[in-house]
Amino acid sequence: MNNIQVNGCGVIVIGNERIVYINGKEIPFHPNMKGNNITTIDGKAYIDGFEYKNGKWKRTLKALFHKWF
């Protein structure tokens, strides 16, 4: 079963594919992400406590804040 999740700011997660599309660019999931919590603010993506920054997924305090609050 394909789980497709769309966020209003251009983030699309296709569950079985483990791919994120951010503003039309295909970006692979970090191995520790499941796609349960997705937030986008000002064009930045936060997924499961990770922030996509400088071409890499990084665990940041800001991303953890968006995951829990």
PDB file of N, CA and C in Angstrom:
ATOM      1  N   MET A   1       0.840  -1.179   0.000  1.00  0.00           N
ATOM      2  CA  MET A   1       0.000   0.000   0.000  1.00  0.00           C
ATOM      3  C   MET A   1       0.883   1.238   0.000  1.00  0.00           C
ATOM      4  N   ASN A   2       0.644   2.154  -0.902  1.00  0.00           N
ATOM      5  CA  ASN A   2       1.401   3.391  -0.984  1.00  0.00           C
ATOM      6  C   ASN A   2       0.768   4.444  -0.090  1.00  0.00           C
ATOM      7  N   ASN A   3       1.554   5.027   0.777  1.00  0.00           N
ATOM      8  CA  ASN A   3       1.097   6.094   1.646  1.00  0.00           C
ATOM      9  C   ASN A   3       1.664   7.388   1.099  1.00  0.00           C
ATOM     10  N   ILE A   4       0.807   8.275   0.620  1.00  0.00           N
ATOM     11  CA  ILE A   4       1.268   9.543   0.081  1.00  0.00           C
ATOM     12  C   ILE A   4       0.811  10.643   1.024  1.00  0.00           C
ATOM     13  N   GLN A   5       1.765  11.456   1.453  1.00  0.00           N
ATOM     14  CA  GLN A   5       1.469  12.545   2.367  1.00  0.00           C
ATOM     15  C   GLN A   5       1.929  13.837   1.708  1.00  0.00           C
ATOM     16  N   VAL A   6       1.043  14.816   1.635  1.00  0.00           N
ATOM     17  CA  VAL A   6       1.365  16.073   0.975  1.00  0.00           C
ATOM     18  C   VAL A   6       1.246  17.193   1.981  1.00  0.00           C
ATOM     19  N   ASN A   7       2.275  18.040   2.035  1.00  0.00           N
ATOM     20  CA  ASN A   7       2.269  19.203   2.901  1.00  0.00           C
ATOM     21  C   ASN A   7       2.112  20.432   2.014  1.00  0.00           C
ATOM     22  N   GLY A   8       1.410  21.423   2.473  1.00  0.00           N
ATOM     23  CA  GLY A   8       1.078  22.580   1.659  1.00  0.00           C
ATOM     24  C   GLY A   8       2.248  23.366   1.104  1.00  0.00           C
ATOM     25  N   CYS A   9       3.421  23.235   1.646  1.00  0.00           N
ATOM     26  CA  CYS A   9       4.563  24.035   1.187  1.00  0.00           C
ATOM     27  C   CYS A   9       5.476  23.270   0.254  1.00  0.00           C
ATOM     28  N   GLY A  10       5.019  22.244  -0.387  1.00  0.00           N
ATOM     29  CA  GLY A  10       5.810  21.579  -1.396  1.00  0.00           C
ATOM     30  C   GLY A  10       6.547  20.334  -0.941  1.00  0.00           C
ATOM     31  N   VAL A  11       6.164  19.736   0.166  1.00  0.00           N
ATOM     32  CA  VAL A  11       6.790  18.489   0.616  1.00  0.00           C
ATOM     33  C   VAL A  11       5.840  17.343   0.337  1.00  0.00           C
ATOM     34  N   ILE A  12       6.307  16.348  -0.402  1.00  0.00           N
ATOM     35  CA  ILE A  12       5.514  15.157  -0.691  1.00  0.00           C
ATOM     36  C   ILE A  12       6.313  13.948  -0.239  1.00  0.00           C
ATOM     37  N   VAL A  13       5.694  13.097   0.556  1.00  0.00           N
ATOM     38  CA  VAL A  13       6.347  11.872   1.020  1.00  0.00           C
ATOM     39  C   VAL A  13       5.564  10.698   0.469  1.00  0.00           C
ATOM     40  N   ILE A  14       6.234   9.823  -0.253  1.00  0.00           N
ATOM     41  CA  ILE A  14       5.619   8.610  -0.765  1.00  0.00           C
ATOM     42  C   ILE A  14       6.162   7.474   0.084  1.00  0.00           C
ATOM     43  N   GLY A  15       5.301   6.892   0.927  1.00  0.00           N
ATOM     44  CA  GLY A  15       5.692   5.948   1.961  1.00  0.00           C
ATOM     45  C   GLY A  15       6.593   4.810   1.536  1.00  0.00           C
ATOM     46  N   ASN A  16       6.197   4.019   0.564  1.00  0.00           N
ATOM     47  CA  ASN A  16       6.995   2.859   0.181  1.00  0.00           C
ATOM     48  C   ASN A  16       8.259   3.246  -0.559  1.00  0.00           C
ATOM     49  N   GLU A  17       8.274   4.404  -1.177  1.00  0.00           N
ATOM     50  CA  GLU A  17       9.431   4.841  -1.953  1.00  0.00           C
ATOM     51  C   GLU A  17      10.522   5.444  -1.076  1.00  0.00           C
ATOM     52  N   ARG A  18      10.161   5.944   0.105  1.00  0.00           N
ATOM     53  CA  ARG A  18      11.108   6.596   1.013  1.00  0.00           C
ATOM     54  C   ARG A  18      11.824   7.749   0.322  1.00  0.00           C
ATOM     55  N   ILE A  19      11.052   8.576  -0.386  1.00  0.00           N
ATOM     56  CA  ILE A  19      11.570   9.730  -1.101  1.00  0.00           C
ATOM     57  C   ILE A  19      10.764  10.957  -0.672  1.00  0.00           C
ATOM     58  N   VAL A  20      11.447  12.069  -0.535  1.00  0.00           N
ATOM     59  CA  VAL A  20      10.808  13.335  -0.214  1.00  0.00           C
ATOM     60  C   VAL A  20      11.000  14.259  -1.406  1.00  0.00           C
ATOM     61  N   TYR A  21       9.965  14.959  -1.801  1.00  0.00           N
ATOM     62  CA  TYR A  21      10.077  15.990  -2.814  1.00  0.00           C
ATOM     63  C   TYR A  21       9.902  17.325  -2.119  1.00  0.00           C
ATOM     64  N   ILE A  22      10.927  18.148  -2.142  1.00  0.00           N
ATOM     65  CA  ILE A  22      10.863  19.470  -1.535  1.00  0.00           C
ATOM     66  C   ILE A  22      10.984  20.487  -2.652  1.00  0.00           C
ATOM     67  N   ASN A  23       9.913  21.230  -2.859  1.00  0.00           N
ATOM     68  CA  ASN A  23       9.851  22.240  -3.920  1.00  0.00           C
ATOM     69  C   ASN A  23      10.302  21.676  -5.263  1.00  0.00           C
ATOM     70  N   GLY A  24       9.864  20.462  -5.576  1.00  0.00           N
ATOM     71  CA  GLY A  24      10.124  19.848  -6.861  1.00  0.00           C
ATOM     72  C   GLY A  24      11.430  19.083  -6.974  1.00  0.00           C
ATOM     73  N   LYS A  25      12.282  19.114  -5.947  1.00  0.00           N
ATOM     74  CA  LYS A  25      13.542  18.383  -5.975  1.00  0.00           C
ATOM     75  C   LYS A  25      13.396  17.082  -5.190  1.00  0.00           C
ATOM     76  N   GLU A  26      13.874  15.986  -5.766  1.00  0.00           N
ATOM     77  CA  GLU A  26      13.797  14.676  -5.121  1.00  0.00           C
ATOM     78  C   GLU A  26      14.969  14.514  -4.152  1.00  0.00           C
ATOM     79  N   ILE A  27      14.641  14.208  -2.895  1.00  0.00           N
ATOM     80  CA  ILE A  27      15.646  14.065  -1.846  1.00  0.00           C
ATOM     81  C   ILE A  27      15.378  12.762  -1.103  1.00  0.00           C
ATOM     82  N   PRO A  28      16.382  11.888  -0.955  1.00  0.00           N
ATOM     83  CA  PRO A  28      16.165  10.628  -0.239  1.00  0.00           C
ATOM     84  C   PRO A  28      15.978  10.862   1.261  1.00  0.00           C
ATOM     85  N   PHE A  29      15.225   9.973   1.888  1.00  0.00           N
ATOM     86  CA  PHE A  29      15.025  10.006   3.335  1.00  0.00           C
ATOM     87  C   PHE A  29      16.331   9.726   4.062  1.00  0.00           C
ATOM     88  N   HIS A  30      16.462  10.272   5.245  1.00  0.00           N
ATOM     89  CA  HIS A  30      17.521   9.858   6.169  1.00  0.00           C
ATOM     90  C   HIS A  30      17.108   8.485   6.685  1.00  0.00           C
ATOM     91  N   PRO A  31      18.041   7.557   6.904  1.00  0.00           N
ATOM     92  CA  PRO A  31      17.662   6.203   7.331  1.00  0.00           C
ATOM     93  C   PRO A  31      16.830   6.144   8.618  1.00  0.00           C
ATOM     94  N   ASN A  32      16.947   7.144   9.493  1.00  0.00           N
ATOM     95  CA  ASN A  32      16.215   7.125  10.766  1.00  0.00           C
ATOM     96  C   ASN A  32      14.860   7.820  10.709  1.00  0.00           C
ATOM     97  N   MET A  33      14.469   8.334   9.547  1.00  0.00           N
ATOM     98  CA  MET A  33      13.183   9.027   9.431  1.00  0.00           C
ATOM     99  C   MET A  33      12.091   8.066   8.979  1.00  0.00           C
ATOM    100  N   LYS A  34      10.874   8.291   9.504  1.00  0.00           N
ATOM    101  CA  LYS A  34       9.718   7.491   9.105  1.00  0.00           C
ATOM    102  C   LYS A  34       8.678   8.324   8.374  1.00  0.00           C
ATOM    103  N   GLY A  35       8.737   9.637   8.511  1.00  0.00           N
ATOM    104  CA  GLY A  35       7.764  10.508   7.850  1.00  0.00           C
ATOM    105  C   GLY A  35       6.506  10.713   8.655  1.00  0.00           C
ATOM    106  N   ASN A  36       6.563  10.486   9.965  1.00  0.00           N
ATOM    107  CA  ASN A  36       5.385  10.649  10.812  1.00  0.00           C
ATOM    108  C   ASN A  36       5.085  12.108  11.121  1.00  0.00           C
ATOM    109  N   ASN A  37       6.117  12.940  11.228  1.00  0.00           N
ATOM    110  CA  ASN A  37       5.938  14.342  11.586  1.00  0.00           C
ATOM    111  C   ASN A  37       6.621  15.204  10.544  1.00  0.00           C
ATOM    112  N   ILE A  38       5.845  15.962   9.776  1.00  0.00           N
ATOM    113  CA  ILE A  38       6.386  16.813   8.715  1.00  0.00           C
ATOM    114  C   ILE A  38       5.931  18.239   8.954  1.00  0.00           C
ATOM    115  N   THR A  39       6.911  19.158   8.979  1.00  0.00           N
ATOM    116  CA  THR A  39       6.617  20.570   9.137  1.00  0.00           C
ATOM    117  C   THR A  39       7.443  21.346   8.129  1.00  0.00           C
ATOM    118  N   THR A  40       6.842  22.333   7.490  1.00  0.00           N
ATOM    119  CA  THR A  40       7.600  23.237   6.640  1.00  0.00           C
ATOM    120  C   THR A  40       7.298  24.659   7.066  1.00  0.00           C
ATOM    121  N   ILE A  41       8.353  25.432   7.235  1.00  0.00           N
ATOM    122  CA  ILE A  41       8.220  26.832   7.627  1.00  0.00           C
ATOM    123  C   ILE A  41       9.211  27.635   6.798  1.00  0.00           C
ATOM    124  N   ASP A  42       8.723  28.646   6.110  1.00  0.00           N
ATOM    125  CA  ASP A  42       9.562  29.511   5.279  1.00  0.00           C
ATOM    126  C   ASP A  42      10.419  28.718   4.305  1.00  0.00           C
ATOM    127  N   GLY A  43       9.870  27.674   3.714  1.00  0.00           N
ATOM    128  CA  GLY A  43      10.576  26.891   2.714  1.00  0.00           C
ATOM    129  C   GLY A  43      11.586  25.898   3.265  1.00  0.00           C
ATOM    130  N   LYS A  44      11.656  25.741   4.588  1.00  0.00           N
ATOM    131  CA  LYS A  44      12.553  24.761   5.198  1.00  0.00           C
ATOM    132  C   LYS A  44      11.735  23.557   5.643  1.00  0.00           C
ATOM    133  N   ALA A  45      12.300  22.367   5.451  1.00  0.00           N
ATOM    134  CA  ALA A  45      11.588  21.133   5.778  1.00  0.00           C
ATOM    135  C   ALA A  45      12.135  20.536   7.068  1.00  0.00           C
ATOM    136  N   TYR A  46      11.221  20.129   7.946  1.00  0.00           N
ATOM    137  CA  TYR A  46      11.556  19.446   9.191  1.00  0.00           C
ATOM    138  C   TYR A  46      10.764  18.148   9.220  1.00  0.00           C
ATOM    139  N   ILE A  47      11.463  17.020   9.244  1.00  0.00           N
ATOM    140  CA  ILE A  47      10.792  15.722   9.250  1.00  0.00           C
ATOM    141  C   ILE A  47      11.376  14.877  10.374  1.00  0.00           C
ATOM    142  N   ASP A  48      10.518  14.467  11.305  1.00  0.00           N
ATOM    143  CA  ASP A  48      10.899  13.565  12.400  1.00  0.00           C
ATOM    144  C   ASP A  48      12.142  14.018  13.156  1.00  0.00           C
ATOM    145  N   GLY A  49      12.289  15.324  13.393  1.00  0.00           N
ATOM    146  CA  GLY A  49      13.424  15.832  14.150  1.00  0.00           C
ATOM    147  C   GLY A  49      14.660  16.094  13.327  1.00  0.00           C
ATOM    148  N   PHE A  50      14.564  15.992  12.007  1.00  0.00           N
ATOM    149  CA  PHE A  50      15.679  16.286  11.112  1.00  0.00           C
ATOM    150  C   PHE A  50      15.324  17.509  10.266  1.00  0.00           C
ATOM    151  N   GLU A  51      16.331  18.312   9.977  1.00  0.00           N
ATOM    152  CA  GLU A  51      16.165  19.485   9.127  1.00  0.00           C
ATOM    153  C   GLU A  51      17.023  19.303   7.883  1.00  0.00           C
ATOM    154  N   TYR A  52      16.448  19.614   6.723  1.00  0.00           N
ATOM    155  CA  TYR A  52      17.224  19.535   5.482  1.00  0.00           C
ATOM    156  C   TYR A  52      17.967  20.852   5.332  1.00  0.00           C
ATOM    157  N   LYS A  53      19.297  20.778   5.474  1.00  0.00           N
ATOM    158  CA  LYS A  53      20.111  21.982   5.530  1.00  0.00           C
ATOM    159  C   LYS A  53      21.411  21.736   4.770  1.00  0.00           C
ATOM    160  N   ASN A  54      21.736  22.611   3.845  1.00  0.00           N
ATOM    161  CA  ASN A  54      22.976  22.524   3.062  1.00  0.00           C
ATOM    162  C   ASN A  54      23.117  21.185   2.339  1.00  0.00           C
ATOM    163  N   GLY A  55      22.014  20.657   1.840  1.00  0.00           N
ATOM    164  CA  GLY A  55      22.055  19.423   1.053  1.00  0.00           C
ATOM    165  C   GLY A  55      22.113  18.144   1.856  1.00  0.00           C
ATOM    166  N   LYS A  56      21.943  18.216   3.195  1.00  0.00           N
ATOM    167  CA  LYS A  56      21.979  17.020   4.045  1.00  0.00           C
ATOM    168  C   LYS A  56      20.895  17.113   5.106  1.00  0.00           C
ATOM    169  N   TRP A  57      20.448  15.946   5.567  1.00  0.00           N
ATOM    170  CA  TRP A  57      19.530  15.883   6.701  1.00  0.00           C
ATOM    171  C   TRP A  57      20.364  15.958   7.972  1.00  0.00           C
ATOM    172  N   LYS A  58      20.031  16.903   8.858  1.00  0.00           N
ATOM    173  CA  LYS A  58      20.763  17.069  10.108  1.00  0.00           C
ATOM    174  C   LYS A  58      19.779  17.115  11.267  1.00  0.00           C
ATOM    175  N   ARG A  59      20.154  16.497  12.362  1.00  0.00           N
ATOM    176  CA  ARG A  59      19.348  16.562  13.575  1.00  0.00           C
ATOM    177  C   ARG A  59      19.690  17.891  14.256  1.00  0.00           C
ATOM    178  N   THR A  60      18.682  18.762  14.377  1.00  0.00           N
ATOM    179  CA  THR A  60      18.906  20.074  14.978  1.00  0.00           C
ATOM    180  C   THR A  60      17.897  20.305  16.093  1.00  0.00           C
ATOM    181  N   LEU A  61      18.226  21.243  16.990  1.00  0.00           N
ATOM    182  CA  LEU A  61      17.293  21.579  18.068  1.00  0.00           C
ATOM    183  C   LEU A  61      16.003  22.166  17.511  1.00  0.00           C
ATOM    184  N   LYS A  62      16.130  22.963  16.465  1.00  0.00           N
ATOM    185  CA  LYS A  62      14.952  23.554  15.833  1.00  0.00           C
ATOM    186  C   LYS A  62      14.026  22.462  15.288  1.00  0.00           C
ATOM    187  N   ALA A  63      14.614  21.448  14.644  1.00  0.00           N
ATOM    188  CA  ALA A  63      13.812  20.357  14.085  1.00  0.00           C
ATOM    189  C   ALA A  63      13.168  19.536  15.196  1.00  0.00           C
ATOM    190  N   LEU A  64      13.893  19.295  16.282  1.00  0.00           N
ATOM    191  CA  LEU A  64      13.315  18.565  17.419  1.00  0.00           C
ATOM    192  C   LEU A  64      12.173  19.350  18.043  1.00  0.00           C
ATOM    193  N   PHE A  65      12.313  20.671  18.112  1.00  0.00           N
ATOM    194  CA  PHE A  65      11.241  21.513  18.631  1.00  0.00           C
ATOM    195  C   PHE A  65       9.983  21.359  17.784  1.00  0.00           C
ATOM    196  N   HIS A  66      10.140  21.373  16.454  1.00  0.00           N
ATOM    197  CA  HIS A  66       8.985  21.231  15.571  1.00  0.00           C
ATOM    198  C   HIS A  66       8.388  19.826  15.622  1.00  0.00           C
ATOM    199  N   LYS A  67       9.176  18.851  15.973  1.00  0.00           N
ATOM    200  CA  LYS A  67       8.655  17.500  16.110  1.00  0.00           C
ATOM    201  C   LYS A  67       7.768  17.372  17.342  1.00  0.00           C
ATOM    202  N   TRP A  68       8.192  17.950  18.438  1.00  0.00           N
ATOM    203  CA  TRP A  68       7.481  17.762  19.705  1.00  0.00           C
ATOM    204  C   TRP A  68       6.449  18.834  20.003  1.00  0.00           C
ATOM    205  N   PHE A  69       6.553  20.014  19.383  1.00  0.00           N
ATOM    206  CA  PHE A  69       5.601  21.096  19.679  1.00  0.00           C
ATOM    207  C   PHE A  69       5.002  21.556  18.421  1.00  0.00           C
TER     208      PHE A  69
END
